[in-house]
Protein backbone atom coordinates (compact mmCIF):
# COMPACT_ATOMS: atom_id res chain seq x y z
CA MET A 1 18.78 1.14 -5.93
CA THR A 2 19.07 1.81 -2.32
CA ASP A 3 21.19 -1.14 -0.35
CA PRO A 4 18.53 -3.44 1.51
CA ASP A 5 20.28 -2.76 4.79
CA SER A 6 20.05 0.79 4.42
CA SER A 7 17.80 2.08 7.57
CA HIS A 8 17.58 5.91 5.98
CA LEU A 9 16.09 7.16 3.15
CA SER A 10 17.85 9.98 0.67
CA ASN A 11 16.60 12.05 -1.96
CA SER A 12 20.24 12.28 -3.86
CA THR A 13 19.71 10.04 -6.36
CA PRO A 14 18.32 11.00 -9.72
CA ASP A 15 15.90 8.02 -9.96
CA TYR A 16 14.61 9.20 -6.26
CA PRO A 17 10.74 9.84 -7.70
CA GLU A 18 11.05 5.90 -8.56
CA GLY A 19 11.34 5.24 -4.97
CA LEU A 20 9.62 5.82 -1.56
CA LEU A 21 6.74 8.77 -1.83
CA SER A 22 6.55 8.96 -5.60
CA ALA A 23 5.09 5.19 -5.53
CA PHE A 24 2.34 5.97 -2.99
CA HIS A 25 -0.34 8.27 -2.10
CA PRO A 26 1.21 9.95 0.95
CA ARG A 27 -1.24 8.85 3.87
CA PRO A 28 -1.34 11.81 6.09
CA SER A 29 -1.00 11.47 9.71
CA PRO A 30 -4.13 11.30 12.05
CA GLY A 31 -3.75 15.05 12.99
CA PHE A 32 -4.52 15.82 9.09
CA TYR A 33 -7.73 13.72 9.10
CA LYS A 34 -8.93 15.73 12.25
CA ARG A 35 -8.34 18.89 10.14
CA ILE A 36 -10.29 17.39 6.93
CA GLN A 37 -13.08 16.48 9.40
CA ARG A 38 -13.19 20.04 10.99
CA THR A 39 -13.53 21.85 7.23
CA PRO A 40 -16.99 23.24 6.13
CA TRP A 41 -17.63 20.70 3.50
CA GLN A 42 -17.54 17.63 5.91
CA ARG A 43 -21.16 16.87 7.57
CA SER A 44 -21.81 18.12 10.89
CA TYR A 45 -24.37 16.56 13.34
CA GLN A 46 -25.02 19.38 15.41
CA HIS A 47 -28.12 21.38 14.09
CA HIS A 48 -26.94 24.83 15.06
CA LEU A 49 -23.61 24.28 13.18
CA LEU A 50 -25.09 22.81 10.44
CA LEU A 51 -27.23 25.83 9.95
CA LYS A 52 -24.34 28.18 10.47
CA TRP A 53 -22.76 26.48 7.44
CA VAL A 54 -25.50 26.22 5.25
CA ILE A 55 -26.06 29.84 5.53
CA SER A 56 -22.34 30.76 5.37
CA LEU A 57 -22.22 28.41 2.14
CA THR A 58 -25.07 30.04 0.68
CA ILE A 59 -23.78 33.42 0.85
CA MET A 60 -20.47 32.37 -0.25
CA VAL A 61 -21.91 30.60 -3.46
CA ALA A 62 -23.92 33.82 -3.97
CA VAL A 63 -20.72 36.03 -4.31
CA VAL A 64 -18.77 33.60 -6.01
CA ILE A 65 -21.30 33.40 -8.91
CA VAL A 66 -21.25 37.22 -8.84
CA GLY A 67 -17.45 37.76 -8.65
CA PHE A 68 -15.66 34.58 -9.28
CA THR A 69 -13.70 36.06 -12.16
CA ILE A 70 -12.66 39.16 -10.34
CA SER A 71 -11.96 38.25 -6.94
CA PRO A 72 -8.62 35.84 -6.53
CA PRO A 73 -9.44 35.16 -2.80
CA LEU A 74 -12.82 33.79 -3.50
CA GLN A 75 -11.13 31.62 -6.14
CA ALA A 76 -9.33 30.31 -3.51
CA ILE A 77 -11.90 29.55 -1.52
CA ALA A 78 -13.94 27.79 -4.08
CA ARG A 79 -10.89 25.62 -5.15
CA GLN A 80 -10.52 24.24 -1.69
CA LEU A 81 -14.42 23.39 -1.78
CA PHE A 82 -14.09 21.60 -4.97
CA SER A 83 -10.89 20.35 -5.25
CA PHE A 84 -9.48 16.50 -6.04
CA PHE A 85 -6.28 17.67 -4.12
CA ILE A 86 -6.45 18.51 -0.46
CA PRO A 87 -3.63 21.07 0.19
CA ASP A 88 -1.93 20.99 3.77
CA THR A 89 -1.53 23.96 5.80
CA GLN A 90 2.29 23.98 5.15
CA ASP A 91 5.07 22.11 2.83
CA THR A 92 5.98 19.48 5.28
CA LEU A 93 4.07 16.42 6.02
CA GLU A 94 4.01 13.39 8.71
CA VAL A 95 3.42 10.30 6.45
CA SER A 96 2.44 7.01 7.98
CA ILE A 97 3.67 3.87 6.61
CA GLU A 98 2.60 0.36 8.14
CA GLY A 99 3.45 -2.99 7.14
CA ILE A 100 6.10 -2.72 4.70
CA THR A 101 10.06 -2.70 4.56
CA PRO A 102 12.59 0.17 3.31
CA LEU A 103 13.26 -1.97 0.59
CA GLU A 104 9.90 -3.06 -0.35
CA LEU A 105 9.12 0.69 -0.52
CA PHE A 106 11.83 1.41 -3.22
CA GLN A 107 10.93 -1.53 -5.10
CA TYR A 108 7.07 -0.60 -5.29
CA ALA A 109 7.45 -0.03 -9.00
CA SER A 110 8.09 -3.51 -10.07
CA ALA A 111 6.67 -6.21 -12.06
CA GLU A 112 6.71 -8.32 -8.95
CA ASN A 113 4.28 -5.85 -7.19
CA PHE A 114 2.20 -5.58 -10.26
CA SER A 115 1.60 -9.25 -10.98
CA LEU A 116 -2.17 -9.44 -11.86
CA SER A 117 -3.57 -9.56 -15.20
CA ILE A 118 -6.41 -7.38 -16.27
CA GLU A 119 -8.88 -9.72 -16.05
CA GLN A 120 -7.70 -11.30 -12.32
CA ALA A 121 -7.64 -7.39 -11.04
CA GLU A 122 -11.25 -7.11 -12.56
CA GLN A 123 -12.32 -10.27 -10.68
CA GLN A 124 -11.19 -8.92 -7.18
CA ALA A 125 -12.19 -5.35 -7.74
CA GLU A 126 -15.80 -6.42 -9.29
CA PHE A 127 -15.76 -3.77 -11.83
CA SER A 128 -14.40 -3.27 -15.27
CA ILE A 129 -11.02 -1.76 -15.63
CA ARG A 130 -10.48 0.87 -18.14
CA GLN A 131 -7.45 2.01 -20.14
CA PRO A 132 -6.15 4.03 -22.71
CA GLU A 133 -6.99 2.67 -26.30
CA SER A 134 -3.57 4.11 -27.39
CA LEU A 135 -0.16 4.47 -25.45
CA LEU A 136 2.75 6.95 -25.91
CA PRO A 137 5.56 6.18 -27.90
CA GLY A 138 7.82 3.58 -25.94
CA LEU A 139 5.12 2.94 -23.10
CA GLU A 140 3.95 -0.53 -21.98
CA LEU A 141 1.56 -2.05 -19.47
CA ILE A 142 3.93 -4.09 -16.91
CA GLY A 143 1.07 -5.62 -14.82
CA THR A 144 -1.96 -4.72 -12.29
CA ARG A 145 -2.46 -4.53 -8.69
CA TYR A 146 -5.27 -4.58 -6.55
CA GLU A 147 -5.48 -2.20 -3.05
CA PRO A 148 -8.46 -3.93 -1.22
CA ASP A 149 -8.21 -1.16 1.68
CA LEU A 150 -8.83 1.41 -0.83
CA HIS A 151 -10.73 -0.42 -3.30
CA VAL A 152 -8.43 0.72 -6.27
CA VAL A 153 -6.98 -0.85 -9.05
CA ILE A 154 -3.27 0.33 -10.34
CA LEU A 155 -2.26 -0.17 -13.46
CA LEU A 156 1.49 0.12 -13.85
CA TYR A 157 3.08 1.36 -17.03
CA GLN A 158 6.82 2.12 -17.84
CA GLY A 159 8.51 4.20 -20.56
CA ALA A 160 12.28 5.18 -21.12
CA GLY A 161 13.18 6.85 -17.84
CA TYR A 162 9.82 6.89 -16.24
CA ASN A 163 6.94 4.71 -14.52
CA LEU A 164 3.38 5.61 -15.04
CA PHE A 165 0.75 4.67 -12.88
CA LEU A 166 -3.33 4.73 -13.84
CA SER A 167 -5.73 4.27 -10.76
CA GLN A 168 -9.32 3.88 -10.64
CA ARG A 169 -11.84 3.32 -8.26
CA SER A 170 -15.55 3.72 -7.77
CA LEU A 171 -17.03 6.74 -6.17
CA SER A 172 -19.32 4.57 -4.24
CA ASP A 173 -16.48 3.89 -2.04
CA GLN A 174 -15.20 5.84 1.21
CA PRO A 175 -13.38 8.91 0.28
CA GLU A 176 -9.64 8.98 -0.60
CA TYR A 177 -7.51 12.10 -0.04
CA PHE A 178 -4.44 12.98 -1.90
CA SER A 179 -2.32 15.45 0.26
CA ILE A 180 -0.36 18.15 -1.60
CA GLY A 181 1.76 20.90 0.22
CA ALA A 182 0.48 24.51 0.83
CA SER A 183 2.51 26.07 -1.68
CA ALA A 184 1.62 23.22 -4.93
CA GLN A 185 -0.11 24.62 -7.77
CA VAL A 186 -3.27 22.98 -8.69
CA GLU A 187 -4.39 23.71 -12.14
CA ILE A 188 -7.72 23.06 -13.61
CA VAL A 189 -7.58 21.05 -16.98
CA GLN A 190 -10.40 20.09 -19.48
CA ILE A 191 -10.29 16.14 -20.37
CA GLY A 192 -13.09 15.99 -22.88
CA THR A 193 -16.33 16.84 -21.45
CA PHE A 194 -14.99 16.48 -17.92
CA GLN A 195 -12.98 18.90 -15.66
CA GLY A 196 -9.69 17.49 -14.01
CA GLU A 197 -6.71 18.88 -12.03
CA TYR A 198 -3.16 18.69 -12.53
CA VAL A 199 -0.43 19.38 -10.00
CA ALA A 200 3.37 19.26 -10.75
CA GLY A 201 5.78 18.04 -7.89
CA GLY A 202 5.48 15.79 -5.17
CA TRP A 203 6.73 14.79 -1.48
CA VAL A 204 10.11 13.57 -0.63
CA ALA A 205 11.39 12.27 2.40
CA VAL A 206 13.54 14.58 4.93
CA PRO A 207 17.28 13.24 4.65
CA GLY A 208 17.92 11.33 7.70
CA THR A 209 14.45 10.33 8.34
CA GLN A 210 14.52 6.64 9.81
CA LEU A 211 12.02 4.04 9.08
CA SER A 212 10.97 1.79 12.08
CA ASP A 213 10.34 -2.12 12.21
CA ILE A 214 8.15 -3.62 9.81
CA ASP A 215 5.64 -4.65 12.66
CA SER A 216 5.00 -1.16 14.09
CA GLN A 217 3.42 1.82 12.25
CA SER A 218 6.45 4.25 11.44
CA THR A 219 5.81 7.93 10.42
CA ILE A 220 8.51 9.57 8.36
CA GLN A 221 8.81 13.75 7.65
CA ALA A 222 8.44 14.70 4.30
CA VAL A 223 8.84 18.16 2.47
CA TRP A 224 6.75 19.21 -0.61
CA ASP A 225 9.26 19.67 -3.73
CA PRO A 226 7.91 21.42 -6.66
CA THR A 227 10.50 20.61 -8.92
CA LEU A 228 10.45 16.62 -8.44
CA PRO A 229 9.82 15.24 -11.66
CA GLN A 230 6.38 14.08 -10.60
CA PHE A 231 3.29 14.71 -12.34
CA THR A 232 -0.32 14.00 -11.41
CA LEU A 233 -3.70 14.51 -13.01
CA ARG A 234 -6.91 13.61 -11.15
CA TRP A 235 -10.49 13.70 -12.46
CA GLN A 236 -13.92 11.74 -12.21
CA SER A 237 -16.08 10.27 -14.89
CA GLU A 238 -18.75 8.00 -14.97
CA GLY A 239 -18.77 7.10 -11.53
CA PHE A 240 -15.13 6.66 -11.08
CA ALA A 241 -12.36 8.54 -9.80
CA PHE A 242 -8.98 8.18 -11.85
CA GLU A 243 -5.77 9.45 -11.33
CA LEU A 244 -2.49 9.29 -13.95
CA ARG A 245 0.88 9.92 -12.15
CA SER A 246 4.20 9.78 -13.92
CA SER A 247 7.53 10.06 -12.04
CA GLY A 248 10.94 9.86 -13.20
CA THR A 249 13.50 11.89 -15.37
CA ASN A 250 11.39 11.54 -18.92
CA SER A 251 8.10 11.77 -17.13
CA PRO A 252 5.19 13.07 -19.41
CA GLN A 253 3.62 15.83 -18.29
CA LYS A 254 0.12 17.96 -18.39
CA ALA A 255 -0.24 17.77 -22.19
CA ASP A 256 0.53 13.99 -22.53
CA LEU A 257 -1.57 13.14 -19.38
CA ILE A 258 -4.30 14.73 -20.70
CA SER A 259 -4.33 13.05 -23.94
CA LEU A 260 -4.06 9.81 -22.23
CA ALA A 261 -6.95 10.36 -19.94
CA ALA A 262 -8.95 11.59 -22.94
CA ASP A 263 -8.41 7.95 -24.58
CA ILE A 264 -9.47 6.11 -21.71
CA ARG A 265 -12.30 3.72 -22.42
């Protein structure tokens, strides 16, 4: 555990995935969202630009239907249009953090931060929480928390040497982006009758990055590490968006995450 008085972050410890960025969705800097709004799948209110994109996308879809299986560049374009993950333009990222101390970041995956029961979280979220009907050996539910800003419920499970987070939110709420590095490999997987996407790796803080005072918004520099023992599966089902994310040295990976996802009821 990091010294509470430490003002710097380090990724040198083997349990670092239990800490800062593995416990949170990286919240990109304002520049990231500006780039998102300039992407072709965002709605434009200028008629001539809208017409241009409609024509372009119509042509693109027609070409993809004909040549998708033989054209890797077109596959890359299609992946960006339909992805549950948003690749950044590079493998570095500015992550904005507000209203939380360094110690709280490192202690995020604790019972104190997941103190709600399933029933309490359902009352706050105003929807029924879904869970796997069966768990992996040695895995147990620690507790639940509700994030009102994103209207998302997060369940924390713990096993031997890892944490497992199950997030769920209604698709009727505002979009929520999961930023990944430009070099991250996104794999399409099948979860029962639904398609999902799987990514290995995660963002780690650049050594020497300093967190500012709790009363102000701070920004840290992070780099994408494909070897980080963090594994994320995202999918949509019956009007809800789901995410399973494991972090830690003994984390369940693709096959186990898919099995858990398929068992959620």
